[in-house]
Each structure stands twice: as C-alpha cells, then as structure tokens.
Amino acid sequence: MRFRDFVYAVRTLRKSPVFAATAVITIALGIGASTAIFSVTNAVLLRPLPYKNPARLAFAISGMRKLGVKDFPFSNADFIDLRNGTGAIFEDLGAVNSGRAIVPREDGSPEQIRWAVVTPNFFHTMGGRIALGRDFTEADGQPALPPAVVPRKVILSYEYWQRRFGGDAGLLGRAMPGQGGTQVIGVLAPRFELLFPPGANMERNPDVWYAARLAYDNANRNSVSLRAIGRLEQGVTLDRAQAAVDQVAVELRKISVIHETSGYFIHLEPMQRHIVEEVRPL
C-alpha cells in the first residue's frame, strides 16, 4: 500500500513540475531555517559558556544614571577600588581590554594582530588553561617596573602560535618579534575566547595577551578601558554581591566629583544572561 502511494505521489508530482519544485524548495527552506535557528539558539542560549563553573561568573558593569549611560568600562583606579572592596564576595575579580594593532614582523613588514590586556589573575578567573609555559603571576602585573628593566610578559593564543610561529616551543622566553621589552611566557590551550555582548566591542579571539600593569591613578578616573568579570565565592548570592558592589559605588561617589555629579553606579549581571540579552528576543 505504501509503495503504491509513493508511486502515485511521484506520478502526480511529475505531472505538476512547478508545484513539485515549489514544494521541494519550501521544505528545503523550512529545514534550513529551522536548523539555523536551532544552531544559534543552541550556541547562544542553551550551551553552557566555555568557562569553569560559568554559573558563578558575573560581569561588573559601571554606568552613569544622570547621563543615561548603562554600560561603561572601568578606569584603573575604579577597578582596583572595586577589587579591594569586594574581597569577601568574589573568589576572583579580573579585568580585560582588547583591540587591534599593527606590529612589525622579523623582516620589518607590518602585521595586524588582535591583542588583549588582562589582569594577571584573568585566566585563573575564567578557567583558561595554559598548554605550554606558564600563566601570569601577580609579579607580572607590577606597575613600577619599566619594560626596559623587566620585560612585559606575553601569552599567545594557541591558534596564533601555530599559524604565525609554526608551534615553535623555542619562542618561550624570547621577545615577540619586533616588540622589544616583551617576553613570551606561555601559550593558551586551544579555542579560548572572549565572550561579550556585541556592544562591548571586544575582540573575541585575541592573538596576543599582555599582562596588565595597573597603576592606581586617582586623578585619571575618567580614563576608562577595563571590562570586569568576577567569580562569586561559593555560596554568595547575586543579591549579596550586588549590595557589596553598591557600597563600593557609594564610596567612589564620595571621592570623585565626576562620579557624584554623573550618578555613578556599578551593576552585576550574570555572564550568560548578559551575553544573550541582545539576541534573546530575536
């Protein structure tokens, strides 16, 4: 019976080729659209973030209520004050900035790289693993050490290390080509990436990671660049953490006229929720 139904269907479609083509195209488009939607939904909304215990990760986001600014990076001093004021709340609080730059190769020709500057604890905060060499240490972030005396420490992404240097382990301990005052100390495990909302304008796959040397510059709180991510202590609720962060913002408004007049605030947002906030309605 089923075979006869199949033969009948084939004959019917052969008699109406336009209808048959339209039906096939419609079904194909429907399958393709459904697959694409599921792929995006799975990658963005359903799949856990590729970090250690991602449910405990939260963005610390500053803003200025009186100016209508809801997402603003931190200055060095503001980040340091936030870190010092929330030691009992966060197991780790790291910060990152990223961008692109033109650097010289060995032969002097230009090369564009994607870079990131991170606090020495950043990979520990996120659960990023080192495939070769070592991770940053707190000593690598000492601000009073000029590169001419103590080279700035650098970690490469695994993909860049393979693509640019052919996986040469001998690069460890040496300076980046054309970048005096640096020293390559490690290579990240494959596929580590920075996940931020699109509006943050962060590089997703930096090639070169530099240890940040953050100086406490109280006079320059309007010079901002850092995005902060914290790992909550075990058992600390988001509400409790937010209360601690609110108190830091209160203190910052007391010591900074700009913060006071702009209505400066700091808000905690679970990492997964904040990343998908812009795409969830779509």
C-alpha atoms as a PDB file:
ATOM      1  CA  MET A   1       0.000   0.000   0.000  1.00  0.00           C
ATOM      2  CA  ARG A   2       2.744   2.415   0.927  1.00  0.00           C
ATOM      3  CA  PHE A   3       4.666   1.630  -2.242  1.00  0.00           C
ATOM      4  CA  ARG A   4       1.602   2.332  -4.378  1.00  0.00           C
ATOM      5  CA  ASP A   5       1.056   5.618  -2.527  1.00  0.00           C
ATOM      6  CA  PHE A   6       4.659   6.542  -3.215  1.00  0.00           C
ATOM      7  CA  VAL A   7       4.331   5.710  -6.939  1.00  0.00           C
ATOM      8  CA  TYR A   8       1.123   7.730  -7.112  1.00  0.00           C
ATOM      9  CA  ALA A   9       2.784  10.715  -5.437  1.00  0.00           C
ATOM     10  CA  VAL A  10       5.725  10.582  -7.857  1.00  0.00           C
ATOM     11  CA  ARG A  11       3.407  10.465 -10.869  1.00  0.00           C
ATOM     12  CA  THR A  12       1.380  13.380  -9.520  1.00  0.00           C
ATOM     13  CA  LEU A  13       4.494  15.473  -8.991  1.00  0.00           C
ATOM     14  CA  ARG A  14       5.774  14.655 -12.485  1.00  0.00           C
ATOM     15  CA  LYS A  15       2.527  15.957 -13.931  1.00  0.00           C
ATOM     16  CA  SER A  16       2.895  19.236 -11.960  1.00  0.00           C
ATOM     17  CA  PRO A  17       6.628  20.117 -12.075  1.00  0.00           C
ATOM     18  CA  VAL A  18       6.122  23.724 -10.997  1.00  0.00           C
ATOM     19  CA  PHE A  19       4.168  22.672  -7.916  1.00  0.00           C
ATOM     20  CA  ALA A  20       6.732  19.949  -7.199  1.00  0.00           C
ATOM     21  CA  ALA A  21       9.642  22.377  -7.395  1.00  0.00           C
ATOM     22  CA  THR A  22       7.845  24.892  -5.197  1.00  0.00           C
ATOM     23  CA  ALA A  23       7.086  22.220  -2.596  1.00  0.00           C
ATOM     24  CA  VAL A  24      10.677  20.948  -2.548  1.00  0.00           C
ATOM     25  CA  ILE A  25      12.124  24.472  -2.243  1.00  0.00           C
ATOM     26  CA  THR A  26       9.650  25.360   0.527  1.00  0.00           C
ATOM     27  CA  ILE A  27      10.520  22.240   2.505  1.00  0.00           C
ATOM     28  CA  ALA A  28      14.255  22.833   1.993  1.00  0.00           C
ATOM     29  CA  LEU A  29      13.987  26.445   3.161  1.00  0.00           C
ATOM     30  CA  GLY A  30      11.965  25.364   6.186  1.00  0.00           C
ATOM     31  CA  ILE A  31      14.519  22.728   7.158  1.00  0.00           C
ATOM     32  CA  GLY A  32      17.403  25.132   6.579  1.00  0.00           C
ATOM     33  CA  ALA A  33      15.808  27.918   8.618  1.00  0.00           C
ATOM     34  CA  SER A  34      14.918  25.558  11.458  1.00  0.00           C
ATOM     35  CA  THR A  35      18.467  24.175  11.510  1.00  0.00           C
ATOM     36  CA  ALA A  36      19.978  27.665  11.517  1.00  0.00           C
ATOM     37  CA  ILE A  37      17.685  28.867  14.312  1.00  0.00           C
ATOM     38  CA  PHE A  38      18.460  25.817  16.424  1.00  0.00           C
ATOM     39  CA  SER A  39      22.207  26.195  15.815  1.00  0.00           C
ATOM     40  CA  VAL A  40      22.146  29.814  17.007  1.00  0.00           C
ATOM     41  CA  THR A  41      19.842  29.029  19.932  1.00  0.00           C
ATOM     42  CA  ASN A  42      21.990  26.083  20.988  1.00  0.00           C
ATOM     43  CA  ALA A  43      25.238  28.063  20.755  1.00  0.00           C
ATOM     44  CA  VAL A  44      23.964  31.210  22.458  1.00  0.00           C
ATOM     45  CA  LEU A  45      21.106  30.255  24.776  1.00  0.00           C
ATOM     46  CA  LEU A  46      21.359  26.555  25.606  1.00  0.00           C
ATOM     47  CA  ARG A  47      25.023  25.558  25.607  1.00  0.00           C
ATOM     48  CA  PRO A  48      26.943  26.439  28.803  1.00  0.00           C
ATOM     49  CA  LEU A  49      29.617  29.105  28.483  1.00  0.00           C
ATOM     50  CA  PRO A  50      33.074  27.625  27.765  1.00  0.00           C
ATOM     51  CA  TYR A  51      34.464  28.647  31.158  1.00  0.00           C
ATOM     52  CA  LYS A  52      34.996  26.994  34.529  1.00  0.00           C
ATOM     53  CA  ASN A  53      31.743  26.942  36.575  1.00  0.00           C
ATOM     54  CA  PRO A  54      30.139  29.631  34.375  1.00  0.00           C
ATOM     55  CA  ALA A  55      27.076  29.994  36.627  1.00  0.00           C
ATOM     56  CA  ARG A  56      29.271  31.791  39.172  1.00  0.00           C
ATOM     57  CA  LEU A  57      30.656  34.308  36.661  1.00  0.00           C
ATOM     58  CA  ALA A  58      29.227  37.821  36.545  1.00  0.00           C
ATOM     59  CA  PHE A  59      30.047  40.998  34.666  1.00  0.00           C
ATOM     60  CA  ALA A  60      30.626  44.068  36.819  1.00  0.00           C
ATOM     61  CA  ILE A  61      29.250  46.939  34.729  1.00  0.00           C
ATOM     62  CA  SER A  62      29.589  50.599  35.621  1.00  0.00           C
ATOM     63  CA  GLY A  63      27.339  53.380  34.411  1.00  0.00           C
ATOM     64  CA  MET A  64      26.128  56.947  34.973  1.00  0.00           C
ATOM     65  CA  ARG A  65      22.423  57.286  35.716  1.00  0.00           C
ATOM     66  CA  LYS A  66      22.196  61.049  35.313  1.00  0.00           C
ATOM     67  CA  LEU A  67      23.747  60.822  31.844  1.00  0.00           C
ATOM     68  CA  GLY A  68      21.768  57.775  30.727  1.00  0.00           C
ATOM     69  CA  VAL A  69      24.916  55.634  30.380  1.00  0.00           C
ATOM     70  CA  LYS A  70      24.286  51.993  31.288  1.00  0.00           C
ATOM     71  CA  ASP A  71      27.475  50.242  30.177  1.00  0.00           C
ATOM     72  CA  PHE A  72      30.796  51.941  30.808  1.00  0.00           C
ATOM     73  CA  PRO A  73      34.305  50.487  31.221  1.00  0.00           C
ATOM     74  CA  PHE A  74      36.329  50.955  34.412  1.00  0.00           C
ATOM     75  CA  SER A  75      39.335  53.160  34.976  1.00  0.00           C
ATOM     76  CA  ASN A  76      42.345  51.543  36.630  1.00  0.00           C
ATOM     77  CA  ALA A  77      41.608  53.200  39.980  1.00  0.00           C
ATOM     78  CA  ASP A  78      37.882  52.346  39.903  1.00  0.00           C
ATOM     79  CA  PHE A  79      38.643  48.703  39.129  1.00  0.00           C
ATOM     80  CA  ILE A  80      41.258  48.475  41.904  1.00  0.00           C
ATOM     81  CA  ASP A  81      38.816  50.034  44.385  1.00  0.00           C
ATOM     82  CA  LEU A  82      36.127  47.573  43.288  1.00  0.00           C
ATOM     83  CA  ARG A  83      38.503  44.637  43.685  1.00  0.00           C
ATOM     84  CA  ASN A  84      39.704  45.799  47.104  1.00  0.00           C
ATOM     85  CA  GLY A  85      36.166  46.430  48.326  1.00  0.00           C
ATOM     86  CA  THR A  86      34.714  43.063  47.323  1.00  0.00           C
ATOM     87  CA  GLY A  87      37.360  40.616  48.515  1.00  0.00           C
ATOM     88  CA  ALA A  88      34.817  38.670  50.587  1.00  0.00           C
ATOM     89  CA  ILE A  89      32.354  38.455  47.698  1.00  0.00           C
ATOM     90  CA  PHE A  90      34.461  37.419  44.731  1.00  0.00           C
ATOM     91  CA  GLU A  91      36.758  34.432  44.634  1.00  0.00           C
ATOM     92  CA  ASP A  92      38.462  36.289  41.784  1.00  0.00           C
ATOM     93  CA  LEU A  93      37.831  39.568  40.001  1.00  0.00           C
ATOM     94  CA  GLY A  94      39.654  40.090  36.728  1.00  0.00           C
ATOM     95  CA  ALA A  95      39.648  42.724  34.020  1.00  0.00           C
ATOM     96  CA  VAL A  96      40.360  42.827  30.304  1.00  0.00           C
ATOM     97  CA  ASN A  97      40.694  45.285  27.445  1.00  0.00           C
ATOM     98  CA  SER A  98      41.227  44.408  23.788  1.00  0.00           C
ATOM     99  CA  GLY A  99      41.813  45.885  20.357  1.00  0.00           C
ATOM    100  CA  ARG A 100      43.902  45.634  17.198  1.00  0.00           C
ATOM    101  CA  ALA A 101      47.366  46.899  16.362  1.00  0.00           C
ATOM    102  CA  ILE A 102      49.942  46.873  13.581  1.00  0.00           C
ATOM    103  CA  VAL A 103      53.248  45.324  14.672  1.00  0.00           C
ATOM    104  CA  PRO A 104      56.425  44.566  12.701  1.00  0.00           C
ATOM    105  CA  ARG A 105      57.434  41.041  11.704  1.00  0.00           C
ATOM    106  CA  GLU A 106      61.038  39.859  11.806  1.00  0.00           C
ATOM    107  CA  ASP A 107      61.651  41.293   8.336  1.00  0.00           C
ATOM    108  CA  GLY A 108      60.084  44.630   9.209  1.00  0.00           C
ATOM    109  CA  SER A 109      56.859  44.069   7.247  1.00  0.00           C
ATOM    110  CA  PRO A 110      53.640  45.060   9.053  1.00  0.00           C
ATOM    111  CA  GLU A 111      51.255  42.578  10.625  1.00  0.00           C
ATOM    112  CA  GLN A 112      47.865  43.237  12.182  1.00  0.00           C
ATOM    113  CA  ILE A 113      47.247  41.438  15.453  1.00  0.00           C
ATOM    114  CA  ARG A 114      44.315  41.250  17.829  1.00  0.00           C
ATOM    115  CA  TRP A 115      45.519  41.963  21.356  1.00  0.00           C
ATOM    116  CA  ALA A 116      44.158  41.794  24.868  1.00  0.00           C
ATOM    117  CA  VAL A 117      45.492  43.259  28.101  1.00  0.00           C
ATOM    118  CA  VAL A 118      44.406  41.282  31.164  1.00  0.00           C
ATOM    119  CA  THR A 119      44.963  41.371  34.893  1.00  0.00           C
ATOM    120  CA  PRO A 120      47.352  38.574  35.920  1.00  0.00           C
ATOM    121  CA  ASN A 121      44.508  36.589  37.525  1.00  0.00           C
ATOM    122  CA  PHE A 122      42.274  36.695  34.442  1.00  0.00           C
ATOM    123  CA  PHE A 123      42.830  33.163  33.130  1.00  0.00           C
ATOM    124  CA  HIS A 124      42.504  31.766  36.641  1.00  0.00           C
ATOM    125  CA  THR A 125      39.211  33.630  36.998  1.00  0.00           C
ATOM    126  CA  MET A 126      37.828  32.279  33.729  1.00  0.00           C
ATOM    127  CA  GLY A 127      39.353  28.810  33.905  1.00  0.00           C
ATOM    128  CA  GLY A 128      41.615  29.349  30.884  1.00  0.00           C
ATOM    129  CA  ARG A 129      44.262  26.627  30.652  1.00  0.00           C
ATOM    130  CA  ILE A 130      47.892  27.017  29.631  1.00  0.00           C
ATOM    131  CA  ALA A 131      49.072  24.494  27.046  1.00  0.00           C
ATOM    132  CA  LEU A 132      52.741  25.474  27.110  1.00  0.00           C
ATOM    133  CA  GLY A 133      54.811  27.517  29.545  1.00  0.00           C
ATOM    134  CA  ARG A 134      53.118  29.249  32.472  1.00  0.00           C
ATOM    135  CA  ASP A 135      50.269  31.571  33.401  1.00  0.00           C
ATOM    136  CA  PHE A 136      50.683  35.163  34.523  1.00  0.00           C
ATOM    137  CA  THR A 137      51.551  35.784  38.184  1.00  0.00           C
ATOM    138  CA  GLU A 138      50.881  38.838  40.337  1.00  0.00           C
ATOM    139  CA  ALA A 139      54.542  39.811  39.915  1.00  0.00           C
ATOM    140  CA  ASP A 140      53.920  40.180  36.164  1.00  0.00           C
ATOM    141  CA  GLY A 141      51.449  42.981  36.913  1.00  0.00           C
ATOM    142  CA  GLN A 142      53.718  45.193  38.998  1.00  0.00           C
ATOM    143  CA  PRO A 143      53.221  48.748  37.618  1.00  0.00           C
ATOM    144  CA  ALA A 144      56.535  50.236  38.721  1.00  0.00           C
ATOM    145  CA  LEU A 145      58.683  48.021  36.537  1.00  0.00           C
ATOM    146  CA  PRO A 146      59.562  49.579  33.115  1.00  0.00           C
ATOM    147  CA  PRO A 147      59.774  47.125  30.174  1.00  0.00           C
ATOM    148  CA  ALA A 148      63.413  48.082  29.604  1.00  0.00           C
ATOM    149  CA  VAL A 149      64.241  46.644  33.023  1.00  0.00           C
ATOM    150  CA  VAL A 150      61.636  43.877  33.359  1.00  0.00           C
ATOM    151  CA  PRO A 151      60.076  42.762  30.047  1.00  0.00           C
ATOM    152  CA  ARG A 152      56.306  42.831  29.767  1.00  0.00           C
ATOM    153  CA  LYS A 153      55.006  39.273  29.931  1.00  0.00           C
ATOM    154  CA  VAL A 154      53.043  37.889  26.969  1.00  0.00           C
ATOM    155  CA  ILE A 155      50.893  34.793  26.410  1.00  0.00           C
ATOM    156  CA  LEU A 156      49.936  33.727  22.883  1.00  0.00           C
ATOM    157  CA  SER A 157      46.721  32.119  21.726  1.00  0.00           C
ATOM    158  CA  TYR A 158      47.257  28.546  20.560  1.00  0.00           C
ATOM    159  CA  GLU A 159      45.885  29.341  17.111  1.00  0.00           C
ATOM    160  CA  TYR A 160      48.199  32.341  16.593  1.00  0.00           C
ATOM    161  CA  TRP A 161      51.190  30.388  17.896  1.00  0.00           C
ATOM    162  CA  GLN A 162      50.527  27.667  15.326  1.00  0.00           C
ATOM    163  CA  ARG A 163      49.651  29.998  12.446  1.00  0.00           C
ATOM    164  CA  ARG A 164      52.390  32.561  12.934  1.00  0.00           C
ATOM    165  CA  PHE A 165      55.217  30.599  14.543  1.00  0.00           C
ATOM    166  CA  GLY A 166      54.503  27.029  13.430  1.00  0.00           C
ATOM    167  CA  GLY A 167      54.146  25.825  17.015  1.00  0.00           C
ATOM    168  CA  ASP A 168      57.775  26.665  17.837  1.00  0.00           C
ATOM    169  CA  ALA A 169      58.298  25.914  21.541  1.00  0.00           C
ATOM    170  CA  GLY A 170      61.618  27.760  21.357  1.00  0.00           C
ATOM    171  CA  LEU A 171      59.704  31.039  21.326  1.00  0.00           C
ATOM    172  CA  LEU A 172      59.211  30.771  25.102  1.00  0.00           C
ATOM    173  CA  GLY A 173      61.459  33.141  26.993  1.00  0.00           C
ATOM    174  CA  ARG A 174      62.097  35.290  23.930  1.00  0.00           C
ATOM    175  CA  ALA A 175      60.713  38.671  22.926  1.00  0.00           C
ATOM    176  CA  MET A 176      57.854  38.988  20.487  1.00  0.00           C
ATOM    177  CA  PRO A 177      59.338  39.666  17.005  1.00  0.00           C
ATOM    178  CA  GLY A 178      59.706  43.420  16.562  1.00  0.00           C
ATOM    179  CA  GLN A 179      58.486  44.104  20.113  1.00  0.00           C
ATOM    180  CA  GLY A 180      61.399  44.788  22.406  1.00  0.00           C
ATOM    181  CA  GLY A 181      60.599  44.861  26.110  1.00  0.00           C
ATOM    182  CA  THR A 182      58.325  41.808  25.890  1.00  0.00           C
ATOM    183  CA  GLN A 183      58.815  38.165  26.843  1.00  0.00           C
ATOM    184  CA  VAL A 184      56.645  35.243  25.732  1.00  0.00           C
ATOM    185  CA  ILE A 185      55.968  33.064  28.776  1.00  0.00           C
ATOM    186  CA  GLY A 186      53.150  30.794  27.640  1.00  0.00           C
ATOM    187  CA  VAL A 187      50.629  29.545  25.106  1.00  0.00           C
ATOM    188  CA  LEU A 188      46.929  29.173  25.845  1.00  0.00           C
ATOM    189  CA  ALA A 189      45.082  25.914  25.293  1.00  0.00           C
ATOM    190  CA  PRO A 190      43.116  25.850  22.002  1.00  0.00           C
ATOM    191  CA  ARG A 191      39.814  27.644  21.467  1.00  0.00           C
ATOM    192  CA  PHE A 192      39.883  30.052  24.400  1.00  0.00           C
ATOM    193  CA  GLU A 193      37.789  33.076  23.511  1.00  0.00           C
ATOM    194  CA  LEU A 194      36.340  36.253  24.976  1.00  0.00           C
ATOM    195  CA  LEU A 195      32.544  36.291  25.001  1.00  0.00           C
ATOM    196  CA  PHE A 196      30.964  39.714  25.447  1.00  0.00           C
ATOM    197  CA  PRO A 197      27.775  41.361  24.178  1.00  0.00           C
ATOM    198  CA  PRO A 198      28.280  42.887  20.706  1.00  0.00           C
ATOM    199  CA  GLY A 199      28.023  46.416  22.076  1.00  0.00           C
ATOM    200  CA  ALA A 200      31.146  45.958  24.204  1.00  0.00           C
ATOM    201  CA  ASN A 201      33.324  45.975  21.053  1.00  0.00           C
ATOM    202  CA  MET A 202      35.699  43.342  22.411  1.00  0.00           C
ATOM    203  CA  GLU A 203      37.884  41.090  20.270  1.00  0.00           C
ATOM    204  CA  ARG A 204      36.556  37.540  20.515  1.00  0.00           C
ATOM    205  CA  ASN A 205      39.824  35.781  19.641  1.00  0.00           C
ATOM    206  CA  PRO A 206      42.883  37.823  20.659  1.00  0.00           C
ATOM    207  CA  ASP A 207      46.192  36.603  19.252  1.00  0.00           C
ATOM    208  CA  VAL A 208      48.433  38.117  21.913  1.00  0.00           C
ATOM    209  CA  TRP A 209      47.638  38.566  25.611  1.00  0.00           C
ATOM    210  CA  TYR A 210      49.647  41.073  27.671  1.00  0.00           C
ATOM    211  CA  ALA A 211      49.820  41.204  31.462  1.00  0.00           C
ATOM    212  CA  ALA A 212      48.240  44.454  32.645  1.00  0.00           C
ATOM    213  CA  ARG A 213      50.361  46.697  34.842  1.00  0.00           C
ATOM    214  CA  LEU A 214      47.679  48.715  36.576  1.00  0.00           C
ATOM    215  CA  ALA A 215      48.821  51.801  38.435  1.00  0.00           C
ATOM    216  CA  TYR A 216      46.440  53.426  40.909  1.00  0.00           C
ATOM    217  CA  ASP A 217      45.868  56.753  39.169  1.00  0.00           C
ATOM    218  CA  ASN A 218      43.339  58.584  41.316  1.00  0.00           C
ATOM    219  CA  ALA A 219      43.470  61.724  39.173  1.00  0.00           C
ATOM    220  CA  ASN A 220      42.596  59.855  35.989  1.00  0.00           C
ATOM    221  CA  ARG A 221      39.308  58.153  36.833  1.00  0.00           C
ATOM    222  CA  ASN A 222      37.810  59.411  33.578  1.00  0.00           C
ATOM    223  CA  SER A 223      40.342  57.378  31.545  1.00  0.00           C
ATOM    224  CA  VAL A 224      38.441  54.107  31.132  1.00  0.00           C
ATOM    225  CA  SER A 225      39.210  50.890  29.272  1.00  0.00           C
ATOM    226  CA  LEU A 226      38.705  47.842  31.504  1.00  0.00           C
ATOM    227  CA  ARG A 227      35.855  45.332  31.419  1.00  0.00           C
ATOM    228  CA  ALA A 228      35.494  43.456  34.712  1.00  0.00           C
ATOM    229  CA  ILE A 229      34.410  39.846  35.257  1.00  0.00           C
ATOM    230  CA  GLY A 230      34.131  38.278  38.697  1.00  0.00           C
ATOM    231  CA  ARG A 231      33.730  34.741  40.005  1.00  0.00           C
ATOM    232  CA  LEU A 232      31.430  34.747  43.025  1.00  0.00           C
ATOM    233  CA  GLU A 233      32.578  32.965  46.155  1.00  0.00           C
ATOM    234  CA  GLN A 234      30.870  29.644  46.756  1.00  0.00           C
ATOM    235  CA  GLY A 235      27.512  30.266  48.418  1.00  0.00           C
ATOM    236  CA  VAL A 236      27.438  34.033  47.782  1.00  0.00           C
ATOM    237  CA  THR A 237      24.159  35.109  46.177  1.00  0.00           C
ATOM    238  CA  LEU A 238      23.951  37.735  43.477  1.00  0.00           C
ATOM    239  CA  ASP A 239      21.881  39.973  45.775  1.00  0.00           C
ATOM    240  CA  ARG A 240      24.547  39.863  48.492  1.00  0.00           C
ATOM    241  CA  ALA A 241      27.266  40.577  45.948  1.00  0.00           C
ATOM    242  CA  GLN A 242      25.264  43.480  44.499  1.00  0.00           C
ATOM    243  CA  ALA A 243      24.908  45.014  47.971  1.00  0.00           C
ATOM    244  CA  ALA A 244      28.702  44.945  48.384  1.00  0.00           C
ATOM    245  CA  VAL A 245      29.222  46.438  44.928  1.00  0.00           C
ATOM    246  CA  ASP A 246      26.664  49.177  45.671  1.00  0.00           C
ATOM    247  CA  GLN A 247      28.679  50.165  48.729  1.00  0.00           C
ATOM    248  CA  VAL A 248      31.825  50.489  46.606  1.00  0.00           C
ATOM    249  CA  ALA A 249      29.930  52.789  44.230  1.00  0.00           C
ATOM    250  CA  VAL A 250      28.795  54.900  47.204  1.00  0.00           C
ATOM    251  CA  GLU A 251      32.412  55.346  48.304  1.00  0.00           C
ATOM    252  CA  LEU A 252      33.519  56.221  44.764  1.00  0.00           C
ATOM    253  CA  ARG A 253      30.858  58.928  44.539  1.00  0.00           C
ATOM    254  CA  LYS A 254      32.231  60.411  47.773  1.00  0.00           C
ATOM    255  CA  ILE A 255      35.803  60.732  46.494  1.00  0.00           C
ATOM    256  CA  SER A 256      35.144  61.701  42.879  1.00  0.00           C
ATOM    257  CA  VAL A 257      33.190  64.806  41.839  1.00  0.00           C
ATOM    258  CA  ILE A 258      32.625  63.365  38.350  1.00  0.00           C
ATOM    259  CA  HIS A 259      31.188  60.166  39.821  1.00  0.00           C
ATOM    260  CA  GLU A 260      28.923  62.118  42.156  1.00  0.00           C
ATOM    261  CA  THR A 261      27.542  64.506  39.554  1.00  0.00           C
ATOM    262  CA  SER A 262      27.021  61.770  36.951  1.00  0.00           C
ATOM    263  CA  GLY A 263      25.234  59.362  39.285  1.00  0.00           C
ATOM    264  CA  TYR A 264      27.905  56.679  39.017  1.00  0.00           C
ATOM    265  CA  PHE A 265      26.782  53.114  39.761  1.00  0.00           C
ATOM    266  CA  ILE A 266      28.033  49.534  39.392  1.00  0.00           C
ATOM    267  CA  HIS A 267      25.729  46.693  38.426  1.00  0.00           C
ATOM    268  CA  LEU A 268      26.342  42.941  38.497  1.00  0.00           C
ATOM    269  CA  GLU A 269      24.896  40.826  35.707  1.00  0.00           C
ATOM    270  CA  PRO A 270      25.243  37.031  35.391  1.00  0.00           C
ATOM    271  CA  MET A 271      27.576  36.427  32.470  1.00  0.00           C
ATOM    272  CA  GLN A 272      25.344  34.097  30.459  1.00  0.00           C
ATOM    273  CA  ARG A 273      22.290  36.339  30.797  1.00  0.00           C
ATOM    274  CA  HIS A 274      24.165  39.493  29.845  1.00  0.00           C
ATOM    275  CA  ILE A 275      25.796  37.957  26.764  1.00  0.00           C
ATOM    276  CA  VAL A 276      22.466  36.775  25.309  1.00  0.00           C
ATOM    277  CA  GLU A 277      20.453  39.827  26.404  1.00  0.00           C
ATOM    278  CA  GLU A 278      20.600  41.462  22.972  1.00  0.00           C
ATOM    279  CA  VAL A 279      19.943  38.309  20.934  1.00  0.00           C
ATOM    280  CA  ARG A 280      17.358  36.540  23.093  1.00  0.00           C
ATOM    281  CA  PRO A 281      14.352  38.496  21.674  1.00  0.00           C
ATOM    282  CA  LEU A 282      15.466  37.670  18.120  1.00  0.00           C
END
